[in-house]
Amino acid sequence: MSRQPLAPVPPSRDGRPRPVELRATPALLRQVEELYEVEQRLAHRRGTVEELEELRLDLRRKLVRRIKPGLWRVGEFIVGRTPVSPEGAIDVKAAIEAGAVEASVLEPFRKEREGYELWTVKRRRKARASRASRAAKAA
């Protein structure tokens, strides 16, 4: 019996994609939560940017083995991973300095860029509300 590929998850009523549930092991949850915290620190500029970017890159390298491109729900987190294809760019400044103005003349100045991935990590709204109510009960 051959395995059928997973069907794409239909978008929600507002047209946004819905996350696919991913089995959340304790180790995976810890890594996603740590990535979320690093993203929050970067957003609020706590710590040095270089230190946080290095930590974020390390966490993404660990998670890339477990989280495929797409939108995933991992415990209380929504994780999005979107590969971005490499593309070329024209170094216009170098072309102008060289006196070149036509596209065919600019082509030797073309610089290749590496592809990259966009990641998003958010806490689910329901999880935030339940955490706040638990904190209120504990107080």
Foldseek 3Di string as FASTA:
>chain_A
DDDDDDDAQADDPVRHGDAAEDEADVVNVVLLVVLVVLVVCCVVVPDDNVVSVVVNVVSCVVCCVPDPADWHCHPQKIKHKAKFAKDKDFPVVVCVVVVHDDPVSRVVRIDIDHIGMDMDMDGHPVVVVVVVVVVVVVD
